Amino acid sequence: MEPSNVVLIVIIVVVLAVIFSCLVSVNQGYIYVITQFGKYKRIMRPGLNLKLPFLEVVYKKISIQNRSVELEFQAVTSDQANVYFKSMLLYAVQNAEEETIQRVAFKFIAERDLMQALSRTIEGSIRSFVATKRQAEILGLRREIVEFVKDQIDHSLEEWGYHLMDLQINDITFDKAIIESMSRVVASNNLKAAAENEGQALLITKTKAAEAEGNAIKISAEAEKEAARLRGQGVALFRQEVAHGMSEAAEEMKRANLDTNVILFSMWTEAIKNFAEVGKGNVIFLDGSADGMEKTMKQIQALMLKQDVR
């Protein structure tokens, strides 16, 4: 091969190398930071870009996509209880403006330095919040902790060119001894609540039973009162009819010139007969002699005269 041809080939290769070195393809979701002699020059956005060969250098590739990281922290409450947090942090570059990209590119030397600063900032915010709360309050303050941390670190992230999109506290745990004591407190509170509920149920049952018994007694008393009234009316009617019948019988006997004592004798014998028929083992002492009968008749006559006087 002639020397002239070799030189031509070399020139062509160099030209092609220079051309290809001028072309830079930026992937979607990334922005390239270009420096010239170590000084910031410009940025390249997604697509095909041109750069000066040997003069301009791709200093850093900045991802503008969302990024997530899991963090673990430990804090101490105001009553000296250790609390352990596991959280997930979602963040991204604030925007794709050139000024923002410069802050992201030059605030930290490497990505690990950003993560260390971010982790320590969040941990400090959580510790300062937890230090003002008691151990028993922490589990119920998950949302308040997140809002407090966001307020504390948003300004710092903006200075670094980032934006905090979400912070989730996935797990809050305590030392084993504290967890066991909390379990015992919960169990004792449940037993206390169950005992109070049983006491209230028993009180209601007793109250309802007493009310039912009182109503039953009241109804029974009303029924007994009504029965007594009706019995009294029956006895009064019976006595009235007996008196009426005896009066008519006495008038008839007078008209027939008969002794009215016969009625009393008849009542005496009927009473003795009734005692014998309906008696149920009770012992009734009666004087069955003629004197006893005469004495009883006189008592009945005196009673009847007393009623007539009234």
C-alpha atoms as a PDB file:
ATOM      1  CA  MET A   1       0.000   0.000   0.000  1.00  0.00           C
ATOM      2  CA  GLU A   2       1.275   3.381  -0.984  1.00  0.00           C
ATOM      3  CA  PRO A   3       2.179   5.864   1.789  1.00  0.00           C
ATOM      4  CA  SER A   4      -0.347   8.339   0.477  1.00  0.00           C
ATOM      5  CA  ASN A   5      -3.166   5.843   0.903  1.00  0.00           C
ATOM      6  CA  VAL A   6      -2.105   5.056   4.471  1.00  0.00           C
ATOM      7  CA  VAL A   7      -2.146   8.702   5.379  1.00  0.00           C
ATOM      8  CA  LEU A   8      -5.612   9.073   3.865  1.00  0.00           C
ATOM      9  CA  ILE A   9      -6.944   6.166   5.859  1.00  0.00           C
ATOM     10  CA  VAL A  10      -5.470   7.598   9.055  1.00  0.00           C
ATOM     11  CA  ILE A  11      -7.015  10.972   8.338  1.00  0.00           C
ATOM     12  CA  ILE A  12     -10.418   9.396   7.703  1.00  0.00           C
ATOM     13  CA  VAL A  13     -10.242   7.391  10.958  1.00  0.00           C
ATOM     14  CA  VAL A  14      -9.266  10.481  12.944  1.00  0.00           C
ATOM     15  CA  VAL A  15     -12.064  12.511  11.394  1.00  0.00           C
ATOM     16  CA  LEU A  16     -14.605   9.798  12.165  1.00  0.00           C
ATOM     17  CA  ALA A  17     -13.325   9.533  15.735  1.00  0.00           C
ATOM     18  CA  VAL A  18     -13.632  13.273  16.188  1.00  0.00           C
ATOM     19  CA  ILE A  19     -17.147  13.266  14.736  1.00  0.00           C
ATOM     20  CA  PHE A  20     -18.294  10.438  16.992  1.00  0.00           C
ATOM     21  CA  SER A  21     -16.701  12.074  20.017  1.00  0.00           C
ATOM     22  CA  CYS A  22     -18.759  15.155  19.292  1.00  0.00           C
ATOM     23  CA  LEU A  23     -22.010  13.207  19.490  1.00  0.00           C
ATOM     24  CA  VAL A  24     -23.492  12.439  22.911  1.00  0.00           C
ATOM     25  CA  SER A  25     -26.763  10.502  23.370  1.00  0.00           C
ATOM     26  CA  VAL A  26     -28.588  11.342  26.634  1.00  0.00           C
ATOM     27  CA  ASN A  27     -31.109   8.756  27.864  1.00  0.00           C
ATOM     28  CA  GLN A  28     -34.633   9.702  28.902  1.00  0.00           C
ATOM     29  CA  GLY A  29     -34.841  10.587  32.627  1.00  0.00           C
ATOM     30  CA  TYR A  30     -31.251  11.884  32.757  1.00  0.00           C
ATOM     31  CA  ILE A  31     -29.541  15.248  32.364  1.00  0.00           C
ATOM     32  CA  TYR A  32     -25.790  15.463  31.721  1.00  0.00           C
ATOM     33  CA  VAL A  33     -23.644  18.163  33.307  1.00  0.00           C
ATOM     34  CA  ILE A  34     -20.830  19.404  30.985  1.00  0.00           C
ATOM     35  CA  THR A  35     -17.637  21.068  32.248  1.00  0.00           C
ATOM     36  CA  GLN A  36     -14.823  22.696  30.327  1.00  0.00           C
ATOM     37  CA  PHE A  37     -11.380  22.711  31.904  1.00  0.00           C
ATOM     38  CA  GLY A  38     -13.041  21.773  35.213  1.00  0.00           C
ATOM     39  CA  LYS A  39     -15.574  24.638  35.133  1.00  0.00           C
ATOM     40  CA  TYR A  40     -19.313  24.257  34.634  1.00  0.00           C
ATOM     41  CA  LYS A  41     -20.245  24.895  31.013  1.00  0.00           C
ATOM     42  CA  ARG A  42     -23.794  23.728  30.305  1.00  0.00           C
ATOM     43  CA  ILE A  43     -26.261  20.824  30.528  1.00  0.00           C
ATOM     44  CA  MET A  44     -27.419  18.249  27.973  1.00  0.00           C
ATOM     45  CA  ARG A  45     -31.031  17.121  27.900  1.00  0.00           C
ATOM     46  CA  PRO A  46     -32.398  13.755  26.657  1.00  0.00           C
ATOM     47  CA  GLY A  47     -31.683  13.054  22.986  1.00  0.00           C
ATOM     48  CA  LEU A  48     -28.706  13.531  20.676  1.00  0.00           C
ATOM     49  CA  ASN A  49     -26.352  16.367  21.698  1.00  0.00           C
ATOM     50  CA  LEU A  50     -23.108  17.822  20.418  1.00  0.00           C
ATOM     51  CA  LYS A  51     -20.028  18.656  22.454  1.00  0.00           C
ATOM     52  CA  LEU A  52     -16.550  19.911  21.708  1.00  0.00           C
ATOM     53  CA  PRO A  53     -14.156  16.982  21.624  1.00  0.00           C
ATOM     54  CA  PHE A  54     -11.305  16.979  24.126  1.00  0.00           C
ATOM     55  CA  LEU A  55     -12.488  20.320  25.549  1.00  0.00           C
ATOM     56  CA  GLU A  56     -15.916  19.532  27.029  1.00  0.00           C
ATOM     57  CA  VAL A  57     -16.286  16.638  29.461  1.00  0.00           C
ATOM     58  CA  VAL A  58     -19.411  14.901  30.850  1.00  0.00           C
ATOM     59  CA  TYR A  59     -18.877  15.687  34.541  1.00  0.00           C
ATOM     60  CA  LYS A  60     -21.987  13.973  36.031  1.00  0.00           C
ATOM     61  CA  LYS A  61     -25.129  12.199  34.909  1.00  0.00           C
ATOM     62  CA  ILE A  62     -28.105  13.458  36.963  1.00  0.00           C
ATOM     63  CA  SER A  63     -31.201  11.289  37.203  1.00  0.00           C
ATOM     64  CA  ILE A  64     -34.441  13.281  37.445  1.00  0.00           C
ATOM     65  CA  GLN A  65     -36.510  10.180  38.170  1.00  0.00           C
ATOM     66  CA  ASN A  66     -38.023   9.389  41.565  1.00  0.00           C
ATOM     67  CA  ARG A  67     -35.703   7.604  43.969  1.00  0.00           C
ATOM     68  CA  SER A  68     -36.467   5.703  47.147  1.00  0.00           C
ATOM     69  CA  VAL A  69     -34.346   4.569  50.052  1.00  0.00           C
ATOM     70  CA  GLU A  70     -35.026   2.681  53.278  1.00  0.00           C
ATOM     71  CA  LEU A  71     -33.696   4.220  56.482  1.00  0.00           C
ATOM     72  CA  GLU A  72     -33.489   2.998  60.091  1.00  0.00           C
ATOM     73  CA  PHE A  73     -33.300   5.281  63.122  1.00  0.00           C
ATOM     74  CA  GLN A  74     -33.144   5.020  66.881  1.00  0.00           C
ATOM     75  CA  ALA A  75     -34.461   7.666  69.282  1.00  0.00           C
ATOM     76  CA  VAL A  76     -35.077   8.089  73.025  1.00  0.00           C
ATOM     77  CA  THR A  77     -38.354   9.346  74.504  1.00  0.00           C
ATOM     78  CA  SER A  78     -38.706  11.794  77.382  1.00  0.00           C
ATOM     79  CA  ASP A  79     -39.182   8.858  79.785  1.00  0.00           C
ATOM     80  CA  GLN A  80     -35.938   7.203  78.581  1.00  0.00           C
ATOM     81  CA  ALA A  81     -37.455   4.499  76.355  1.00  0.00           C
ATOM     82  CA  ASN A  82     -35.584   3.431  73.218  1.00  0.00           C
ATOM     83  CA  VAL A  83     -37.668   3.615  70.022  1.00  0.00           C
ATOM     84  CA  TYR A  84     -36.601   2.090  66.708  1.00  0.00           C
ATOM     85  CA  PHE A  85     -37.938   3.387  63.379  1.00  0.00           C
ATOM     86  CA  LYS A  86     -37.932   1.877  59.903  1.00  0.00           C
ATOM     87  CA  SER A  87     -38.949   4.294  57.180  1.00  0.00           C
ATOM     88  CA  MET A  88     -39.098   4.636  53.408  1.00  0.00           C
ATOM     89  CA  LEU A  89     -38.032   7.922  51.814  1.00  0.00           C
ATOM     90  CA  LEU A  90     -39.199   8.936  48.337  1.00  0.00           C
ATOM     91  CA  TYR A  91     -37.432  11.946  46.784  1.00  0.00           C
ATOM     92  CA  ALA A  92     -36.458  13.396  43.425  1.00  0.00           C
ATOM     93  CA  VAL A  93     -34.659  16.312  41.787  1.00  0.00           C
ATOM     94  CA  GLN A  94     -36.797  19.403  42.334  1.00  0.00           C
ATOM     95  CA  ASN A  95     -37.067  20.269  38.639  1.00  0.00           C
ATOM     96  CA  ALA A  96     -35.089  20.144  35.376  1.00  0.00           C
ATOM     97  CA  GLU A  97     -34.073  23.789  35.367  1.00  0.00           C
ATOM     98  CA  GLU A  98     -30.394  24.540  34.825  1.00  0.00           C
ATOM     99  CA  GLU A  99     -29.906  26.263  38.181  1.00  0.00           C
ATOM    100  CA  THR A 100     -31.413  23.297  40.027  1.00  0.00           C
ATOM    101  CA  ILE A 101     -29.252  20.824  38.119  1.00  0.00           C
ATOM    102  CA  GLN A 102     -26.154  22.814  39.060  1.00  0.00           C
ATOM    103  CA  ARG A 103     -27.025  22.561  42.766  1.00  0.00           C
ATOM    104  CA  VAL A 104     -27.583  18.825  42.467  1.00  0.00           C
ATOM    105  CA  ALA A 105     -24.306  18.328  40.610  1.00  0.00           C
ATOM    106  CA  PHE A 106     -21.996  20.389  42.790  1.00  0.00           C
ATOM    107  CA  LYS A 107     -23.460  20.363  46.346  1.00  0.00           C
ATOM    108  CA  PHE A 108     -22.048  16.905  47.139  1.00  0.00           C
ATOM    109  CA  ILE A 109     -19.025  15.053  45.895  1.00  0.00           C
ATOM    110  CA  ALA A 110     -20.841  11.756  45.485  1.00  0.00           C
ATOM    111  CA  GLU A 111     -24.264  10.192  45.913  1.00  0.00           C
ATOM    112  CA  ARG A 112     -23.285   8.513  49.179  1.00  0.00           C
ATOM    113  CA  ASP A 113     -22.512  11.932  50.697  1.00  0.00           C
ATOM    114  CA  LEU A 114     -26.034  13.099  49.834  1.00  0.00           C
ATOM    115  CA  MET A 115     -27.578   9.997  51.387  1.00  0.00           C
ATOM    116  CA  GLN A 116     -25.501  10.404  54.537  1.00  0.00           C
ATOM    117  CA  ALA A 117     -26.553  14.038  54.940  1.00  0.00           C
ATOM    118  CA  LEU A 118     -30.191  13.193  54.199  1.00  0.00           C
ATOM    119  CA  SER A 119     -30.210  10.288  56.645  1.00  0.00           C
ATOM    120  CA  ARG A 120     -28.611  12.305  59.445  1.00  0.00           C
ATOM    121  CA  THR A 121     -31.001  15.238  58.879  1.00  0.00           C
ATOM    122  CA  ILE A 122     -34.082  13.029  59.068  1.00  0.00           C
ATOM    123  CA  GLU A 123     -32.714  11.153  62.062  1.00  0.00           C
ATOM    124  CA  GLY A 124     -32.029  14.419  63.909  1.00  0.00           C
ATOM    125  CA  SER A 125     -35.565  15.664  63.211  1.00  0.00           C
ATOM    126  CA  ILE A 126     -37.146  12.443  64.462  1.00  0.00           C
ATOM    127  CA  ARG A 127     -34.970  12.401  67.586  1.00  0.00           C
ATOM    128  CA  SER A 128     -35.832  16.004  68.456  1.00  0.00           C
ATOM    129  CA  PHE A 129     -39.564  15.235  68.103  1.00  0.00           C
ATOM    130  CA  VAL A 130     -39.477  11.939  70.020  1.00  0.00           C
ATOM    131  CA  ALA A 131     -37.443  13.485  72.849  1.00  0.00           C
ATOM    132  CA  THR A 132     -40.472  15.636  73.785  1.00  0.00           C
ATOM    133  CA  LYS A 133     -42.935  12.725  73.891  1.00  0.00           C
ATOM    134  CA  ARG A 134     -43.548   9.829  76.245  1.00  0.00           C
ATOM    135  CA  GLN A 135     -43.214   6.215  75.219  1.00  0.00           C
ATOM    136  CA  ALA A 136     -46.965   5.584  75.457  1.00  0.00           C
ATOM    137  CA  GLU A 137     -47.681   8.435  73.001  1.00  0.00           C
ATOM    138  CA  ILE A 138     -45.332   7.456  70.176  1.00  0.00           C
ATOM    139  CA  LEU A 139     -47.441   4.767  68.501  1.00  0.00           C
ATOM    140  CA  GLY A 140     -50.327   7.187  68.081  1.00  0.00           C
ATOM    141  CA  LEU A 141     -48.195   9.985  66.620  1.00  0.00           C
ATOM    142  CA  ARG A 142     -46.990   8.364  63.394  1.00  0.00           C
ATOM    143  CA  ARG A 143     -48.588  11.008  61.159  1.00  0.00           C
ATOM    144  CA  GLU A 144     -47.416  13.870  63.370  1.00  0.00           C
ATOM    145  CA  ILE A 145     -43.840  12.574  63.200  1.00  0.00           C
ATOM    146  CA  VAL A 146     -43.950  12.464  59.387  1.00  0.00           C
ATOM    147  CA  GLU A 147     -45.364  15.997  59.130  1.00  0.00           C
ATOM    148  CA  PHE A 148     -42.760  17.324  61.567  1.00  0.00           C
ATOM    149  CA  VAL A 149     -39.870  15.753  59.632  1.00  0.00           C
ATOM    150  CA  LYS A 150     -41.182  17.086  56.308  1.00  0.00           C
ATOM    151  CA  ASP A 151     -41.369  20.612  57.706  1.00  0.00           C
ATOM    152  CA  GLN A 152     -37.839  20.324  59.061  1.00  0.00           C
ATOM    153  CA  ILE A 153     -36.036  18.968  55.973  1.00  0.00           C
ATOM    154  CA  ASP A 154     -37.951  20.558  53.078  1.00  0.00           C
ATOM    155  CA  HIS A 155     -35.834  23.709  53.255  1.00  0.00           C
ATOM    156  CA  SER A 156     -32.562  21.769  53.336  1.00  0.00           C
ATOM    157  CA  LEU A 157     -33.587  19.609  50.391  1.00  0.00           C
ATOM    158  CA  GLU A 158     -34.509  22.675  48.355  1.00  0.00           C
ATOM    159  CA  GLU A 159     -31.024  24.090  48.919  1.00  0.00           C
ATOM    160  CA  TRP A 160     -29.587  20.807  47.650  1.00  0.00           C
ATOM    161  CA  GLY A 161     -31.878  20.812  44.616  1.00  0.00           C
ATOM    162  CA  TYR A 162     -34.120  17.976  45.774  1.00  0.00           C
ATOM    163  CA  HIS A 163     -37.757  17.665  46.810  1.00  0.00           C
ATOM    164  CA  LEU A 164     -39.155  15.279  49.432  1.00  0.00           C
ATOM    165  CA  MET A 165     -42.146  13.536  47.853  1.00  0.00           C
ATOM    166  CA  ASP A 166     -43.096  11.137  50.624  1.00  0.00           C
ATOM    167  CA  LEU A 167     -41.891   9.795  53.934  1.00  0.00           C
ATOM    168  CA  GLN A 168     -43.477   6.680  55.379  1.00  0.00           C
ATOM    169  CA  ILE A 169     -42.715   5.238  58.805  1.00  0.00           C
ATOM    170  CA  ASN A 170     -43.322   1.548  58.249  1.00  0.00           C
ATOM    171  CA  ASP A 171     -42.388   0.192  61.661  1.00  0.00           C
ATOM    172  CA  ILE A 172     -42.050   1.513  65.219  1.00  0.00           C
ATOM    173  CA  THR A 173     -40.659  -0.879  67.809  1.00  0.00           C
ATOM    174  CA  PHE A 174     -39.387  -0.732  71.385  1.00  0.00           C
ATOM    175  CA  ASP A 175     -37.079  -2.804  73.534  1.00  0.00           C
ATOM    176  CA  LYS A 176     -38.364  -6.281  74.385  1.00  0.00           C
ATOM    177  CA  ALA A 177     -38.995  -5.407  78.034  1.00  0.00           C
ATOM    178  CA  ILE A 178     -41.085  -2.373  77.043  1.00  0.00           C
ATOM    179  CA  ILE A 179     -43.118  -4.398  74.538  1.00  0.00           C
ATOM    180  CA  GLU A 180     -43.860  -7.031  77.178  1.00  0.00           C
ATOM    181  CA  SER A 181     -44.906  -4.387  79.703  1.00  0.00           C
ATOM    182  CA  MET A 182     -47.150  -2.729  77.095  1.00  0.00           C
ATOM    183  CA  SER A 183     -48.758  -6.095  76.379  1.00  0.00           C
ATOM    184  CA  ARG A 184     -49.457  -6.599  80.075  1.00  0.00           C
ATOM    185  CA  VAL A 185     -50.983  -3.118  80.327  1.00  0.00           C
ATOM    186  CA  VAL A 186     -53.240  -3.801  77.346  1.00  0.00           C
ATOM    187  CA  ALA A 187     -54.257  -7.175  78.779  1.00  0.00           C
ATOM    188  CA  SER A 188     -55.047  -5.676  82.188  1.00  0.00           C
ATOM    189  CA  ASN A 189     -57.066  -2.876  80.582  1.00  0.00           C
ATOM    190  CA  ASN A 190     -59.027  -5.451  78.586  1.00  0.00           C
ATOM    191  CA  LEU A 191     -59.731  -7.451  81.749  1.00  0.00           C
ATOM    192  CA  LYS A 192     -60.798  -4.276  83.532  1.00  0.00           C
ATOM    193  CA  ALA A 193     -63.131  -3.323  80.683  1.00  0.00           C
ATOM    194  CA  ALA A 194     -64.572  -6.855  80.617  1.00  0.00           C
ATOM    195  CA  ALA A 195     -65.173  -6.767  84.376  1.00  0.00           C
ATOM    196  CA  GLU A 196     -66.861  -3.369  84.108  1.00  0.00           C
ATOM    197  CA  ASN A 197     -69.067  -4.626  81.278  1.00  0.00           C
ATOM    198  CA  GLU A 198     -70.013  -7.737  83.250  1.00  0.00           C
ATOM    199  CA  GLY A 199     -70.809  -5.576  86.284  1.00  0.00           C
ATOM    200  CA  GLN A 200     -73.002  -3.289  84.211  1.00  0.00           C
ATOM    201  CA  ALA A 201     -74.758  -6.293  82.664  1.00  0.00           C
ATOM    202  CA  LEU A 202     -75.342  -7.843  86.101  1.00  0.00           C
ATOM    203  CA  LEU A 203     -76.645  -4.522  87.446  1.00  0.00           C
ATOM    204  CA  ILE A 204     -79.054  -4.193  84.534  1.00  0.00           C
ATOM    205  CA  THR A 205     -80.206  -7.801  84.987  1.00  0.00           C
ATOM    206  CA  LYS A 206     -80.771  -7.318  88.716  1.00  0.00           C
ATOM    207  CA  THR A 207     -82.567  -4.018  88.134  1.00  0.00           C
ATOM    208  CA  LYS A 208     -84.865  -5.516  85.528  1.00  0.00           C
ATOM    209  CA  ALA A 209     -85.559  -8.530  87.751  1.00  0.00           C
ATOM    210  CA  ALA A 210     -86.401  -6.241  90.684  1.00  0.00           C
ATOM    211  CA  GLU A 211     -88.664  -4.158  88.477  1.00  0.00           C
ATOM    212  CA  ALA A 212     -90.407  -7.284  87.204  1.00  0.00           C
ATOM    213  CA  GLU A 213     -90.825  -8.608  90.743  1.00  0.00           C
ATOM    214  CA  GLY A 214     -92.172  -5.254  91.905  1.00  0.00           C
ATOM    215  CA  ASN A 215     -94.627  -5.142  89.013  1.00  0.00           C
ATOM    216  CA  ALA A 216     -95.731  -8.705  89.787  1.00  0.00           C
ATOM    217  CA  ILE A 217     -96.278  -7.820  93.449  1.00  0.00           C
ATOM    218  CA  LYS A 218     -98.186  -4.706  92.437  1.00  0.00           C
ATOM    219  CA  ILE A 219    -100.396  -6.646  90.041  1.00  0.00           C
ATOM    220  CA  SER A 220    -100.957  -9.367  92.627  1.00  0.00           C
ATOM    221  CA  ALA A 221    -101.872  -6.783  95.274  1.00  0.00           C
ATOM    222  CA  GLU A 222    -104.292  -5.079  92.899  1.00  0.00           C
ATOM    223  CA  ALA A 223    -105.856  -8.430  92.053  1.00  0.00           C
ATOM    224  CA  GLU A 224    -106.129  -9.344  95.741  1.00  0.00           C
ATOM    225  CA  LYS A 225    -107.658  -5.973  96.496  1.00  0.00           C
ATOM    226  CA  GLU A 226    -110.240  -6.423  93.750  1.00  0.00           C
ATOM    227  CA  ALA A 227    -110.969  -9.985  94.902  1.00  0.00           C
ATOM    228  CA  ALA A 228    -111.437  -8.810  98.494  1.00  0.00           C
ATOM    229  CA  ARG A 229    -113.790  -6.082  97.309  1.00  0.00           C
ATOM    230  CA  LEU A 230    -115.825  -8.554  95.328  1.00  0.00           C
ATOM    231  CA  ARG A 231    -115.911 -11.006  98.242  1.00  0.00           C
ATOM    232  CA  GLY A 232    -117.115  -8.237 100.547  1.00  0.00           C
ATOM    233  CA  GLN A 233    -119.847  -7.327  98.104  1.00  0.00           C
ATOM    234  CA  GLY A 234    -120.860 -10.994  97.868  1.00  0.00           C
ATOM    235  CA  VAL A 235    -120.996 -11.400 101.644  1.00  0.00           C
ATOM    236  CA  ALA A 236    -123.032  -8.212 101.977  1.00  0.00           C
ATOM    237  CA  LEU A 237    -125.522  -9.379  99.359  1.00  0.00           C
ATOM    238  CA  PHE A 238    -125.707 -12.771 101.011  1.00  0.00           C
ATOM    239  CA  ARG A 239    -126.434 -11.223 104.392  1.00  0.00           C
ATOM    240  CA  GLN A 240    -128.984  -8.928 102.838  1.00  0.00           C
ATOM    241  CA  GLU A 241    -130.798 -11.811 101.181  1.00  0.00           C
ATOM    242  CA  VAL A 242    -130.669 -13.903 104.370  1.00  0.00           C
ATOM    243  CA  ALA A 243    -132.095 -11.045 106.395  1.00  0.00           C
ATOM    244  CA  HIS A 244    -134.814 -10.480 103.815  1.00  0.00           C
ATOM    245  CA  GLY A 245    -135.726 -14.181 103.775  1.00  0.00           C
ATOM    246  CA  MET A 246    -135.770 -14.432 107.534  1.00  0.00           C
ATOM    247  CA  SER A 247    -137.984 -11.353 107.751  1.00  0.00           C
ATOM    248  CA  GLU A 248    -140.505 -12.832 105.351  1.00  0.00           C
ATOM    249  CA  ALA A 249    -140.420 -16.190 107.171  1.00  0.00           C
ATOM    250  CA  ALA A 250    -140.991 -14.459 110.505  1.00  0.00           C
ATOM    251  CA  GLU A 251    -143.961 -12.532 109.115  1.00  0.00           C
ATOM    252  CA  GLU A 252    -145.479 -15.698 107.750  1.00  0.00           C
ATOM    253  CA  MET A 253    -145.057 -17.495 111.088  1.00  0.00           C
ATOM    254  CA  LYS A 254    -146.641 -14.588 112.933  1.00  0.00           C
ATOM    255  CA  ARG A 255    -149.631 -14.673 110.641  1.00  0.00           C
ATOM    256  CA  ALA A 256    -149.866 -18.437 111.287  1.00  0.00           C
ATOM    257  CA  ASN A 257    -149.569 -17.880 115.090  1.00  0.00           C
ATOM    258  CA  LEU A 258    -146.324 -19.877 115.207  1.00  0.00           C
ATOM    259  CA  ASP A 259    -143.297 -19.254 117.398  1.00  0.00           C
ATOM    260  CA  THR A 260    -140.491 -17.505 115.493  1.00  0.00           C
ATOM    261  CA  ASN A 261    -137.917 -19.330 117.585  1.00  0.00           C
ATOM    262  CA  VAL A 262    -138.417 -22.213 115.231  1.00  0.00           C
ATOM    263  CA  ILE A 263    -136.410 -20.214 112.648  1.00  0.00           C
ATOM    264  CA  LEU A 264    -133.543 -19.853 115.067  1.00  0.00           C
ATOM    265  CA  PHE A 265    -133.678 -23.572 115.851  1.00  0.00           C
ATOM    266  CA  SER A 266    -133.613 -24.347 112.140  1.00  0.00           C
ATOM    267  CA  MET A 267    -130.583 -22.062 111.671  1.00  0.00           C
ATOM    268  CA  TRP A 268    -128.876 -23.821 114.571  1.00  0.00           C
ATOM    269  CA  THR A 269    -129.386 -27.275 113.133  1.00  0.00           C
ATOM    270  CA  GLU A 270    -128.375 -26.170 109.629  1.00  0.00           C
ATOM    271  CA  ALA A 271    -125.168 -24.693 111.006  1.00  0.00           C
ATOM    272  CA  ILE A 272    -124.285 -27.919 112.821  1.00  0.00           C
ATOM    273  CA  LYS A 273    -125.063 -29.902 109.653  1.00  0.00           C
ATOM    274  CA  ASN A 274    -122.829 -27.621 107.572  1.00  0.00           C
ATOM    275  CA  PHE A 275    -119.976 -27.936 110.077  1.00  0.00           C
ATOM    276  CA  ALA A 276    -120.166 -31.696 109.761  1.00  0.00           C
ATOM    277  CA  GLU A 277    -120.333 -31.747 105.951  1.00  0.00           C
ATOM    278  CA  VAL A 278    -117.623 -29.265 104.982  1.00  0.00           C
ATOM    279  CA  GLY A 279    -115.292 -29.582 107.952  1.00  0.00           C
ATOM    280  CA  LYS A 280    -111.740 -30.683 107.013  1.00  0.00           C
ATOM    281  CA  GLY A 281    -110.401 -32.015 110.251  1.00  0.00           C
ATOM    282  CA  ASN A 282    -110.819 -28.839 112.271  1.00  0.00           C
ATOM    283  CA  VAL A 283    -112.230 -29.356 115.767  1.00  0.00           C
ATOM    284  CA  ILE A 284    -115.216 -27.160 116.708  1.00  0.00           C
ATOM    285  CA  PHE A 285    -116.640 -27.450 120.200  1.00  0.00           C
ATOM    286  CA  LEU A 286    -120.428 -26.889 120.410  1.00  0.00           C
ATOM    287  CA  ASP A 287    -122.688 -27.302 123.420  1.00  0.00           C
ATOM    288  CA  GLY A 288    -125.373 -29.669 122.101  1.00  0.00           C
ATOM    289  CA  SER A 289    -127.429 -29.756 125.286  1.00  0.00           C
ATOM    290  CA  ALA A 290    -130.856 -28.102 125.607  1.00  0.00           C
ATOM    291  CA  ASP A 291    -129.397 -25.449 127.858  1.00  0.00           C
ATOM    292  CA  GLY A 292    -126.593 -24.815 125.395  1.00  0.00           C
ATOM    293  CA  MET A 293    -129.032 -24.516 122.536  1.00  0.00           C
ATOM    294  CA  GLU A 294    -131.232 -22.177 124.557  1.00  0.00           C
ATOM    295  CA  LYS A 295    -128.212 -20.060 125.461  1.00  0.00           C
ATOM    296  CA  THR A 296    -127.106 -19.897 121.826  1.00  0.00           C
ATOM    297  CA  MET A 297    -130.643 -18.997 120.698  1.00  0.00           C
ATOM    298  CA  LYS A 298    -130.773 -16.136 123.160  1.00  0.00           C
ATOM    299  CA  GLN A 299    -127.437 -14.829 121.882  1.00  0.00           C
ATOM    300  CA  ILE A 300    -128.709 -14.966 118.295  1.00  0.00           C
ATOM    301  CA  GLN A 301    -131.952 -13.206 119.266  1.00  0.00           C
ATOM    302  CA  ALA A 302    -129.992 -10.487 121.036  1.00  0.00           C
ATOM    303  CA  LEU A 303    -127.803 -10.040 117.971  1.00  0.00           C
ATOM    304  CA  MET A 304    -130.851  -9.773 115.704  1.00  0.00           C
ATOM    305  CA  LEU A 305    -132.496  -7.239 118.001  1.00  0.00           C
ATOM    306  CA  LYS A 306    -129.319  -5.193 117.987  1.00  0.00           C
ATOM    307  CA  GLN A 307    -129.306  -5.198 114.190  1.00  0.00           C
ATOM    308  CA  ASP A 308    -132.984  -4.168 114.114  1.00  0.00           C
ATOM    309  CA  VAL A 309    -132.227  -1.252 116.408  1.00  0.00           C
ATOM    310  CA  ARG A 310    -129.550  -0.032 114.017  1.00  0.00           C
END
